Amino acid sequence: MLEIILSFLPLFSILSLLFFFKKSSIFTGIFTLILTALLAHSPFFHKSPTALLYPMVKTSLTTFMIFYILFFGILLFHLMEKAEAIKKIASFISLSTNDRIYQVLMLSLGLSPLIESVSGFGLAIIVIAPILIALGFNGIQASLLSLISLCAIPWGTLALGTIIGAELSNVNLDMLGIGSALMSFPLYIYFAILVCTIAAGKRKVLKRLPEIIFVSLVLSSSILLCNRYISVELAGLFGSLITIIVVFTLIKIQNKTPNISCLEKLTFIKNISPYLFLSFILLTSRMIPSFKVNLNNTFNIKMENYDFELPLLYSPGFFLVLSCIFTTILFKLSIPNILESLNLSVRKCFPVILTTFLFIFISEIMAASGMIHVLSNFAAYSFGAYFIYLSPFIGSVGGFLTGSNTASNTMFIKLQTQTAAEISSKPLLAACTQNVSSSMVTMINPSRVTLSTSVCKVGKYESSIQRKMTFIVAGTLSFLAFEILLLSLCI
């Protein structure tokens, strides 16, 4: 029993420091890392100081892979922001129709997932919240809509959290992407109805329900098909672009488009071209076999002892580098603008990378010392087959506390999949549940809510918005629990 309590201490430390004592993620990570290391060296787990070397090296390698993608994703956003491309894209979309349903569908299920899929970090809030206010939505509406629009987190920063989840849980990446996309189907319908209800009211939503559901299915189907036939990394970007095109088409068919000149259309294409360029080169690398093989075999970092492989030219990070170069040339950005973008990217990236390193290190030490094995055995013995129904709530704890799918997966995905194996359930089902639940619950992470209320200038209503978002997320978790029930009956 004491061994179980000691194994649970690192998780208890993370939860209590973040939730009750309101400590920063970095402080929490450092404190818990020291605690976990001391526990691993205790007589209960019998690990020598040198035994930390393997988890440390493996953590460093995994963190470098995250940095390679995350930094250049954030840099691309800042370069486009300096070129005012983001502002002009947003302006064009917002002015393309006066129909509130179409406006909110295009922004919440199109533009926001597009930005989140490339840059991550909740940056979409900064972009779409001011547009919503400019369109006449009040601050509370804009805050809620911008938070709900963070619905493509499993594919945020080119599916970084999903990639790390697959890496840590030894689950096939393609299967994790497809499973996460299937689980998200009813959630996108739910989110589409919610944003339209907030924007236009229940009556209008009921009148146009088939249309709203159709757009949500376009997003979810596009994401699923891209996961299945192209690549997991490209799914969010692909799905959001298709959704924007489909909504534009619906607007055109129903003659709800104001007069937009050819010059304005060309300017829009130019401003969105970095995303189109990124989509094209990623698509080419995934669809042309010879190109794929050459990229995989060139500058491929392999360390079999650490079960690590990073093909530098095949990784999404490389294509983000090319997109950053393309953006710099296309918009003729000045040296000061480039340097400022680099500075902003470093400042945003550093705390995320450090936090991720600490949490992965904690997870690796727990795995190496046998703590995760002890906890998974205990969970399997205590809950048996019912553990799988707790899986969405475990994932949601990580998403709520860290505001990051990547960080949440590093904390809990090993525990989830190992426990699933112990109870003869499907580790893939547990991994998908962890991935989706932790992603969707980042909407109510306190820092995300604070960001949205700050941008919308409704700080005095922050607690009210937090409560409303909590009810929305409770609905999300209920959908996931119901899906698991159906899957468990079918399998």
Protein backbone atom coordinates (compact mmCIF):
# COMPACT_ATOMS: atom_id res chain seq x y z
CA MET A 1 0.00 0.00 0.00
CA LEU A 2 2.84 2.41 0.82
CA GLU A 3 4.35 1.77 -2.61
CA ILE A 4 1.05 2.82 -4.23
CA ILE A 5 0.90 6.02 -2.16
CA LEU A 6 4.50 6.90 -3.04
CA SER A 7 3.85 6.22 -6.74
CA PHE A 8 0.88 8.57 -6.65
CA LEU A 9 2.83 11.37 -4.92
CA PRO A 10 4.25 12.94 -8.14
CA LEU A 11 0.76 13.21 -9.65
CA PHE A 12 -0.64 14.52 -6.37
CA SER A 13 2.17 17.09 -6.28
CA ILE A 14 1.32 18.31 -9.79
CA LEU A 15 -2.41 18.52 -9.13
CA SER A 16 -2.13 20.21 -5.73
CA LEU A 17 0.55 22.74 -6.74
CA LEU A 18 -1.25 23.79 -9.92
CA PHE A 19 -4.83 23.63 -8.69
CA PHE A 20 -4.79 24.48 -4.98
CA PHE A 21 -1.60 26.47 -4.48
CA LYS A 22 -1.80 28.23 -7.89
CA LYS A 23 1.92 27.73 -8.59
CA SER A 24 3.33 28.15 -12.08
CA SER A 25 3.85 25.16 -14.35
CA ILE A 26 7.63 25.66 -14.20
CA PHE A 27 7.75 25.75 -10.39
CA THR A 28 5.43 22.73 -10.25
CA GLY A 29 7.59 20.82 -12.73
CA ILE A 30 10.86 21.54 -10.92
CA PHE A 31 9.46 20.67 -7.48
CA THR A 32 7.79 17.47 -8.72
CA LEU A 33 10.87 16.43 -10.69
CA ILE A 34 13.03 16.64 -7.55
CA LEU A 35 10.38 14.74 -5.57
CA THR A 36 10.09 12.03 -8.24
CA ALA A 37 13.87 11.62 -8.46
CA LEU A 38 14.11 11.23 -4.67
CA LEU A 39 11.32 8.66 -4.68
CA ALA A 40 13.02 6.72 -7.49
CA HIS A 41 16.21 6.56 -5.38
CA SER A 42 14.34 5.46 -2.25
CA PRO A 43 14.47 1.82 -1.01
CA PHE A 44 10.99 1.28 -2.47
CA PHE A 45 12.10 1.69 -6.09
CA HIS A 46 15.86 1.00 -5.83
CA LYS A 47 17.10 3.26 -8.65
CA SER A 48 20.70 4.51 -8.54
CA PRO A 49 21.57 8.14 -9.47
CA THR A 50 23.06 6.93 -12.77
CA ALA A 51 19.67 5.39 -13.65
CA LEU A 52 18.40 8.93 -14.24
CA LEU A 53 20.73 9.34 -17.21
CA TYR A 54 18.59 7.27 -19.60
CA PRO A 55 15.30 9.14 -18.84
CA MET A 56 17.13 12.48 -19.04
CA VAL A 57 18.62 11.78 -22.48
CA LYS A 58 15.33 10.40 -23.80
CA THR A 59 13.48 13.44 -22.45
CA SER A 60 16.01 15.81 -24.06
CA LEU A 61 15.57 14.12 -27.44
CA THR A 62 11.78 14.23 -27.27
CA THR A 63 11.85 17.87 -26.16
CA PHE A 64 14.10 18.79 -29.08
CA MET A 65 11.55 17.23 -31.46
CA ILE A 66 8.81 19.35 -29.85
CA PHE A 67 10.94 22.51 -30.03
CA TYR A 68 11.70 21.90 -33.72
CA ILE A 69 7.97 22.09 -34.54
CA LEU A 70 6.66 24.49 -31.90
CA PHE A 71 9.20 27.29 -32.34
CA PHE A 72 8.80 27.61 -36.10
CA GLY A 73 5.00 27.32 -35.82
CA ILE A 74 4.95 30.31 -33.48
CA LEU A 75 7.53 32.14 -35.63
CA LEU A 76 5.35 31.74 -38.74
CA PHE A 77 2.45 33.35 -36.87
CA HIS A 78 4.54 36.33 -35.77
CA LEU A 79 6.05 36.84 -39.23
CA MET A 80 2.56 36.89 -40.74
CA GLU A 81 1.41 39.21 -37.98
CA LYS A 82 4.27 41.63 -38.77
CA ALA A 83 3.23 41.54 -42.43
CA GLU A 84 -0.37 42.25 -41.26
CA ALA A 85 -1.42 39.14 -43.19
CA ILE A 86 -3.36 37.70 -40.23
CA LYS A 87 -5.26 40.97 -39.77
CA LYS A 88 -6.13 41.15 -43.49
CA ILE A 89 -7.23 37.49 -43.64
CA ALA A 90 -9.48 38.07 -40.66
CA SER A 91 -10.86 41.29 -42.14
CA PHE A 92 -11.67 39.65 -45.48
CA ILE A 93 -13.46 36.74 -43.79
CA SER A 94 -15.42 39.01 -41.47
CA LEU A 95 -16.55 41.25 -44.33
CA SER A 96 -17.44 38.43 -46.71
CA THR A 97 -20.98 38.11 -45.33
CA ASN A 98 -23.44 39.84 -43.01
CA ASP A 99 -25.00 36.52 -42.00
CA ARG A 100 -24.12 35.84 -38.35
CA ILE A 101 -24.37 32.06 -38.71
CA TYR A 102 -21.90 32.04 -41.59
CA GLN A 103 -19.64 34.53 -39.86
CA VAL A 104 -19.32 32.49 -36.71
CA LEU A 105 -18.96 29.17 -38.57
CA MET A 106 -16.19 30.58 -40.72
CA LEU A 107 -14.36 32.10 -37.75
CA SER A 108 -14.91 29.37 -35.13
CA LEU A 109 -14.71 26.28 -37.35
CA GLY A 110 -12.47 27.73 -40.07
CA LEU A 111 -10.04 30.52 -39.24
CA SER A 112 -9.46 29.67 -35.56
CA PRO A 113 -8.66 25.97 -36.21
CA LEU A 114 -6.45 27.08 -39.13
CA ILE A 115 -4.31 29.32 -36.90
CA GLU A 116 -4.31 26.80 -34.04
CA SER A 117 -3.30 23.96 -36.38
CA VAL A 118 -0.19 25.84 -37.49
CA SER A 119 0.79 27.89 -34.46
CA GLY A 120 -0.97 26.43 -31.43
CA PHE A 121 -0.52 28.12 -28.07
CA GLY A 122 -4.08 29.56 -28.04
CA LEU A 123 -2.98 32.31 -30.44
CA ALA A 124 -6.27 31.97 -32.33
CA ILE A 125 -8.02 33.76 -29.44
CA ILE A 126 -5.95 36.88 -30.07
CA VAL A 127 -6.97 36.84 -33.74
CA ILE A 128 -10.69 36.06 -33.78
CA ALA A 129 -11.91 37.71 -30.55
CA PRO A 130 -11.31 41.28 -31.82
CA ILE A 131 -12.97 40.41 -35.15
CA LEU A 132 -16.07 39.14 -33.35
CA ILE A 133 -16.31 42.36 -31.37
CA ALA A 134 -15.85 44.41 -34.56
CA LEU A 135 -18.75 42.45 -36.09
CA GLY A 136 -21.04 43.54 -33.27
CA PHE A 137 -20.83 40.65 -30.84
CA ASN A 138 -20.66 41.71 -27.20
CA GLY A 139 -17.57 40.94 -25.11
CA ILE A 140 -19.05 37.90 -23.35
CA GLN A 141 -20.18 36.37 -26.65
CA ALA A 142 -16.78 37.02 -28.24
CA SER A 143 -14.96 35.50 -25.26
CA LEU A 144 -17.11 32.33 -25.29
CA LEU A 145 -16.90 31.95 -29.07
CA SER A 146 -13.12 32.38 -29.14
CA LEU A 147 -12.68 29.75 -26.41
CA ILE A 148 -15.01 27.20 -28.05
CA SER A 149 -13.19 27.78 -31.34
CA LEU A 150 -10.12 26.03 -29.86
CA CYS A 151 -11.63 22.77 -31.05
CA ALA A 152 -8.79 21.48 -33.24
CA ILE A 153 -6.25 21.08 -30.43
CA PRO A 154 -5.50 17.40 -31.19
CA TRP A 155 -4.05 18.73 -34.47
CA GLY A 156 -2.67 21.97 -33.03
CA THR A 157 0.90 22.94 -34.02
CA LEU A 158 0.74 20.30 -36.76
CA ALA A 159 -0.54 17.60 -34.35
CA LEU A 160 2.37 18.02 -31.95
CA GLY A 161 0.48 16.71 -28.90
CA THR A 162 -0.81 13.72 -30.85
CA ILE A 163 2.69 12.93 -32.14
CA ILE A 164 4.11 13.05 -28.60
CA GLY A 165 1.22 10.96 -27.32
CA ALA A 166 1.92 8.28 -29.91
CA GLU A 167 5.64 8.41 -29.14
CA LEU A 168 5.21 8.02 -25.37
CA SER A 169 2.46 5.39 -25.47
CA ASN A 170 3.93 3.27 -28.29
CA VAL A 171 0.66 3.60 -30.19
CA ASN A 172 0.70 3.92 -33.98
CA LEU A 173 0.48 7.61 -34.90
CA ASP A 174 -1.89 7.10 -37.84
CA MET A 175 -4.25 4.99 -35.74
CA LEU A 176 -4.18 7.56 -32.93
CA GLY A 177 -4.99 10.33 -35.41
CA ILE A 178 -7.85 8.38 -37.02
CA GLY A 179 -9.27 7.31 -33.64
CA SER A 180 -9.10 10.88 -32.32
CA ALA A 181 -10.84 12.15 -35.47
CA LEU A 182 -13.65 9.58 -35.13
CA MET A 183 -14.16 10.51 -31.48
CA SER A 184 -14.35 14.19 -32.45
CA PHE A 185 -17.24 13.73 -34.94
CA PRO A 186 -20.12 14.33 -32.48
CA LEU A 187 -18.07 16.98 -30.67
CA TYR A 188 -17.80 19.16 -33.78
CA ILE A 189 -21.57 18.99 -34.27
CA TYR A 190 -21.97 19.98 -30.62
CA PHE A 191 -19.52 22.89 -30.94
CA ALA A 192 -21.08 24.11 -34.20
CA ILE A 193 -24.54 24.22 -32.65
CA LEU A 194 -23.17 25.95 -29.56
CA VAL A 195 -21.33 28.74 -31.39
CA CYS A 196 -24.32 29.41 -33.65
CA THR A 197 -26.69 29.47 -30.65
CA ILE A 198 -24.46 31.99 -28.86
CA ALA A 199 -24.21 34.07 -32.04
CA ALA A 200 -27.76 34.00 -33.40
CA GLY A 201 -30.09 32.40 -30.83
CA LYS A 202 -31.98 29.10 -30.66
CA ARG A 203 -34.68 29.94 -33.20
CA LYS A 204 -32.28 30.68 -36.04
CA VAL A 205 -30.24 27.60 -35.16
CA LEU A 206 -33.33 25.36 -35.35
CA LYS A 207 -34.26 26.85 -38.74
CA ARG A 208 -30.78 26.23 -40.16
CA LEU A 209 -29.78 23.14 -38.22
CA PRO A 210 -29.08 20.96 -41.32
CA GLU A 211 -26.77 23.65 -42.70
CA ILE A 212 -24.91 24.00 -39.39
CA ILE A 213 -24.50 20.23 -39.02
CA PHE A 214 -23.31 20.01 -42.63
CA VAL A 215 -20.49 22.51 -42.00
CA SER A 216 -19.44 20.67 -38.83
CA LEU A 217 -19.37 17.40 -40.78
CA VAL A 218 -17.21 19.04 -43.45
CA LEU A 219 -14.62 19.90 -40.79
CA SER A 220 -14.72 16.52 -39.05
CA SER A 221 -14.79 14.51 -42.29
CA SER A 222 -11.91 16.49 -43.80
CA ILE A 223 -9.83 15.93 -40.66
CA LEU A 224 -10.65 12.21 -40.68
CA LEU A 225 -9.86 11.74 -44.37
CA CYS A 226 -6.58 13.63 -44.05
CA ASN A 227 -5.59 11.47 -41.06
CA ARG A 228 -6.47 8.35 -43.02
CA TYR A 229 -5.07 9.09 -46.47
CA ILE A 230 -2.53 11.94 -46.17
CA SER A 231 -0.98 12.63 -42.76
CA VAL A 232 -1.90 13.29 -39.15
CA GLU A 233 0.22 16.47 -39.08
CA LEU A 234 -1.72 18.10 -41.93
CA ALA A 235 -5.23 17.15 -40.74
CA GLY A 236 -6.18 20.29 -38.81
CA LEU A 237 -4.77 22.63 -41.45
CA PHE A 238 -6.45 20.68 -44.27
CA GLY A 239 -9.80 20.43 -42.47
CA SER A 240 -9.98 24.13 -41.61
CA LEU A 241 -9.06 25.26 -45.14
CA ILE A 242 -11.74 22.98 -46.63
CA THR A 243 -14.27 24.33 -44.12
CA ILE A 244 -13.49 27.94 -45.06
CA ILE A 245 -13.86 27.11 -48.76
CA VAL A 246 -17.19 25.31 -48.18
CA VAL A 247 -18.64 28.18 -46.13
CA PHE A 248 -17.55 30.67 -48.81
CA THR A 249 -19.29 28.46 -51.38
CA LEU A 250 -22.51 28.34 -49.35
CA ILE A 251 -22.43 32.14 -49.04
CA LYS A 252 -21.96 32.47 -52.81
CA ILE A 253 -24.77 30.02 -53.60
CA GLN A 254 -27.20 31.91 -51.37
CA ASN A 255 -26.10 35.30 -52.75
CA LYS A 256 -25.14 36.59 -49.33
CA THR A 257 -21.77 37.92 -50.44
CA PRO A 258 -21.22 41.70 -50.53
CA ASN A 259 -19.45 43.04 -53.60
CA ILE A 260 -15.81 42.03 -53.27
CA SER A 261 -13.43 43.19 -55.98
CA CYS A 262 -10.98 40.94 -57.78
CA LEU A 263 -8.14 42.90 -56.20
CA GLU A 264 -9.48 42.13 -52.71
CA LYS A 265 -9.75 38.45 -53.60
CA LEU A 266 -6.19 38.39 -54.93
CA THR A 267 -4.96 40.18 -51.80
CA PHE A 268 -6.71 37.56 -49.66
CA ILE A 269 -5.02 34.74 -51.60
CA LYS A 270 -1.65 36.43 -51.15
CA ASN A 271 -2.18 36.83 -47.41
CA ILE A 272 -3.25 33.23 -46.91
CA SER A 273 -0.55 31.88 -49.27
CA PRO A 274 1.91 30.94 -46.46
CA TYR A 275 -0.71 28.46 -45.19
CA LEU A 276 -1.41 27.27 -48.73
CA PHE A 277 2.34 26.88 -49.34
CA LEU A 278 2.72 24.91 -46.11
CA SER A 279 -0.23 22.68 -47.08
CA PHE A 280 1.20 22.07 -50.56
CA ILE A 281 4.73 21.11 -49.50
CA LEU A 282 3.47 18.95 -46.62
CA LEU A 283 0.99 17.26 -48.94
CA THR A 284 3.71 16.63 -51.52
CA SER A 285 6.03 15.11 -48.92
CA ARG A 286 3.32 12.73 -47.71
CA MET A 287 1.78 11.73 -51.04
CA ILE A 288 4.74 11.18 -53.39
CA PRO A 289 6.46 7.90 -52.34
CA SER A 290 9.94 8.67 -53.75
CA PHE A 291 9.96 12.14 -52.17
CA LYS A 292 8.80 10.66 -48.86
CA VAL A 293 11.55 8.01 -48.85
CA ASN A 294 14.29 10.51 -49.72
CA LEU A 295 13.20 12.96 -47.02
CA ASN A 296 12.98 10.18 -44.44
CA ASN A 297 16.45 8.88 -45.24
CA THR A 298 18.26 12.23 -45.40
CA PHE A 299 19.55 13.74 -42.17
CA ASN A 300 17.69 11.17 -40.14
CA ILE A 301 18.70 11.21 -36.45
CA LYS A 302 18.37 7.69 -35.05
CA MET A 303 19.16 6.49 -31.55
CA GLU A 304 17.90 2.93 -31.19
CA ASN A 305 18.95 2.70 -27.53
CA TYR A 306 16.50 5.47 -26.74
CA ASP A 307 13.83 4.37 -29.22
CA PHE A 308 14.18 7.76 -30.94
CA GLU A 309 14.05 8.78 -34.56
CA LEU A 310 13.82 12.28 -36.05
CA PRO A 311 14.07 12.68 -39.83
CA LEU A 312 14.92 16.39 -39.92
CA LEU A 313 13.72 16.93 -43.49
CA TYR A 314 10.48 14.91 -43.09
CA SER A 315 9.44 16.45 -39.77
CA PRO A 316 6.73 19.18 -39.90
CA GLY A 317 9.36 21.47 -38.37
CA PHE A 318 11.32 21.55 -41.63
CA PHE A 319 8.25 22.57 -43.64
CA LEU A 320 7.49 25.29 -41.12
CA VAL A 321 11.06 26.58 -41.63
CA LEU A 322 10.45 26.71 -45.39
CA SER A 323 7.13 28.48 -44.81
CA CYS A 324 8.84 31.07 -42.59
CA ILE A 325 11.39 31.73 -45.34
CA PHE A 326 8.59 31.92 -47.94
CA THR A 327 6.66 34.42 -45.77
CA THR A 328 9.73 36.59 -45.24
CA ILE A 329 10.40 36.80 -48.99
CA LEU A 330 6.75 37.16 -50.06
CA PHE A 331 6.02 40.10 -47.75
CA LYS A 332 9.55 41.57 -47.98
CA LEU A 333 9.88 41.75 -44.22
CA SER A 334 12.62 43.98 -42.86
CA ILE A 335 15.46 42.74 -40.65
CA PRO A 336 14.02 44.51 -37.55
CA ASN A 337 10.65 42.81 -38.11
CA ILE A 338 12.30 39.41 -38.48
CA LEU A 339 14.41 39.92 -35.35
CA GLU A 340 11.39 41.06 -33.35
CA SER A 341 9.43 38.03 -34.54
CA LEU A 342 12.29 35.77 -33.47
CA ASN A 343 12.43 37.48 -30.08
CA LEU A 344 8.68 37.10 -29.53
CA SER A 345 8.81 33.44 -30.58
CA VAL A 346 11.65 32.67 -28.16
CA ARG A 347 9.80 34.38 -25.31
CA LYS A 348 6.60 32.44 -26.01
CA CYS A 349 8.34 29.15 -26.72
CA PHE A 350 10.81 29.00 -23.81
CA PRO A 351 8.35 28.50 -20.90
CA VAL A 352 6.37 25.93 -22.90
CA ILE A 353 9.49 23.95 -23.82
CA LEU A 354 10.86 24.07 -20.27
CA THR A 355 7.52 22.95 -18.80
CA THR A 356 7.22 20.16 -21.35
CA PHE A 357 10.79 18.99 -20.61
CA LEU A 358 10.04 18.84 -16.88
CA PHE A 359 6.77 16.93 -17.30
CA ILE A 360 8.26 14.44 -19.77
CA PHE A 361 11.24 13.91 -17.45
CA ILE A 362 8.85 13.20 -14.55
CA SER A 363 6.90 10.75 -16.73
CA GLU A 364 10.06 8.97 -17.90
CA ILE A 365 11.41 8.61 -14.33
CA MET A 366 8.05 7.25 -13.18
CA ALA A 367 8.08 4.74 -16.03
CA ALA A 368 11.72 3.70 -15.49
CA SER A 369 11.30 3.27 -11.72
CA GLY A 370 8.10 1.24 -12.04
CA MET A 371 5.76 3.87 -10.53
CA ILE A 372 3.46 3.91 -13.56
CA HIS A 373 3.33 0.11 -13.49
CA VAL A 374 2.32 0.20 -9.81
CA LEU A 375 -0.38 2.80 -10.47
CA SER A 376 -1.76 1.01 -13.52
CA ASN A 377 -1.96 -2.27 -11.58
CA PHE A 378 -3.74 -0.49 -8.73
CA ALA A 379 -6.19 1.25 -11.08
CA ALA A 380 -6.88 -2.01 -12.91
CA TYR A 381 -7.48 -3.84 -9.61
CA SER A 382 -9.64 -1.05 -8.13
CA PHE A 383 -11.82 -0.18 -11.11
CA GLY A 384 -11.47 -3.19 -13.39
CA ALA A 385 -13.29 -2.80 -16.70
CA TYR A 386 -14.86 0.44 -15.44
CA PHE A 387 -11.52 2.26 -15.57
CA ILE A 388 -12.01 3.06 -19.25
CA TYR A 389 -15.02 5.23 -18.32
CA LEU A 390 -12.78 7.31 -16.06
CA SER A 391 -10.30 7.83 -18.88
CA PRO A 392 -11.89 11.06 -20.27
CA PHE A 393 -11.86 12.65 -16.81
CA ILE A 394 -8.19 11.76 -16.23
CA GLY A 395 -7.28 13.36 -19.56
CA SER A 396 -9.41 16.40 -18.76
CA VAL A 397 -7.51 17.01 -15.51
CA GLY A 398 -4.25 17.34 -17.48
CA GLY A 399 -5.81 19.59 -20.11
CA PHE A 400 -7.41 21.85 -17.52
CA LEU A 401 -4.30 22.23 -15.39
CA THR A 402 -1.67 22.66 -18.11
CA GLY A 403 -3.67 24.17 -20.99
CA SER A 404 -1.63 21.95 -23.28
CA ASN A 405 -2.48 18.68 -24.97
CA THR A 406 1.25 17.93 -25.23
CA ALA A 407 1.85 18.47 -21.51
CA SER A 408 -1.26 16.51 -20.54
CA ASN A 409 -0.26 13.58 -22.72
CA THR A 410 3.22 13.53 -21.20
CA MET A 411 1.64 13.35 -17.74
CA PHE A 412 -1.07 10.73 -18.26
CA ILE A 413 -0.97 8.84 -21.56
CA LYS A 414 1.41 6.12 -20.33
CA LEU A 415 -0.75 5.55 -17.26
CA GLN A 416 -3.87 5.40 -19.41
CA THR A 417 -2.54 2.93 -21.97
CA GLN A 418 -0.77 0.67 -19.45
CA THR A 419 -3.90 0.47 -17.29
CA ALA A 420 -5.97 -0.33 -20.38
CA ALA A 421 -3.58 -3.20 -21.16
CA GLU A 422 -3.90 -4.45 -17.56
CA ILE A 423 -7.71 -4.70 -17.81
CA SER A 424 -7.54 -6.30 -21.29
CA SER A 425 -9.00 -3.19 -22.89
CA LYS A 426 -7.65 -1.49 -26.01
CA PRO A 427 -4.62 0.77 -25.32
CA LEU A 428 -5.50 2.61 -28.54
CA LEU A 429 -8.96 3.47 -27.17
CA ALA A 430 -7.40 4.79 -23.96
CA ALA A 431 -4.82 6.81 -25.94
CA CYS A 432 -7.51 8.35 -28.19
CA THR A 433 -9.68 9.21 -25.17
CA GLN A 434 -6.72 10.81 -23.40
CA ASN A 435 -5.75 12.74 -26.52
CA VAL A 436 -9.21 14.13 -27.26
CA SER A 437 -10.35 14.82 -23.70
CA SER A 438 -7.14 16.61 -22.71
CA SER A 439 -7.32 18.69 -25.90
CA MET A 440 -10.92 19.84 -25.59
CA VAL A 441 -10.64 20.73 -21.91
CA THR A 442 -7.82 23.19 -22.59
CA MET A 443 -10.71 25.56 -23.45
CA ILE A 444 -11.31 26.09 -19.73
CA ASN A 445 -7.70 26.32 -18.66
CA PRO A 446 -7.60 29.45 -16.44
CA SER A 447 -4.87 31.13 -18.50
CA ARG A 448 -6.89 30.65 -21.72
CA VAL A 449 -10.02 32.08 -20.09
CA THR A 450 -8.05 35.03 -18.72
CA LEU A 451 -6.56 35.67 -22.17
CA SER A 452 -9.98 35.71 -23.83
CA THR A 453 -11.58 37.97 -21.21
CA SER A 454 -8.60 40.31 -21.39
CA VAL A 455 -8.75 40.60 -25.19
CA CYS A 456 -12.53 41.10 -25.06
CA LYS A 457 -12.25 43.54 -22.12
CA VAL A 458 -14.73 41.64 -19.94
CA GLY A 459 -12.41 40.79 -17.06
CA LYS A 460 -15.13 41.41 -14.46
CA TYR A 461 -17.16 38.56 -16.00
CA GLU A 462 -14.27 36.09 -15.96
CA SER A 463 -15.78 33.82 -13.28
CA SER A 464 -19.12 33.78 -15.11
CA ILE A 465 -17.44 32.86 -18.41
CA GLN A 466 -15.40 30.18 -16.62
CA ARG A 467 -18.62 28.66 -15.24
CA LYS A 468 -20.35 28.69 -18.62
CA MET A 469 -17.35 27.11 -20.30
CA THR A 470 -17.23 24.47 -17.56
CA PHE A 471 -20.82 23.44 -18.40
CA ILE A 472 -19.88 23.29 -22.09
CA VAL A 473 -16.86 21.09 -21.35
CA ALA A 474 -18.99 18.87 -19.07
CA GLY A 475 -21.16 18.22 -22.13
CA THR A 476 -18.03 17.36 -24.13
CA LEU A 477 -16.90 14.81 -21.54
CA SER A 478 -20.41 13.32 -21.42
CA PHE A 479 -20.28 12.77 -25.19
CA LEU A 480 -16.89 11.06 -24.83
CA ALA A 481 -18.11 8.82 -22.00
CA PHE A 482 -21.13 7.82 -24.11
CA GLU A 483 -18.88 7.06 -27.09
CA ILE A 484 -16.71 4.82 -24.92
CA LEU A 485 -19.82 3.00 -23.69
CA LEU A 486 -20.92 2.33 -27.28
CA LEU A 487 -17.43 1.24 -28.33
CA SER A 488 -17.07 -1.10 -25.37
CA LEU A 489 -20.39 -2.75 -26.25
CA CYS A 490 -19.36 -3.14 -29.90
CA ILE A 491 -15.83 -4.44 -29.35
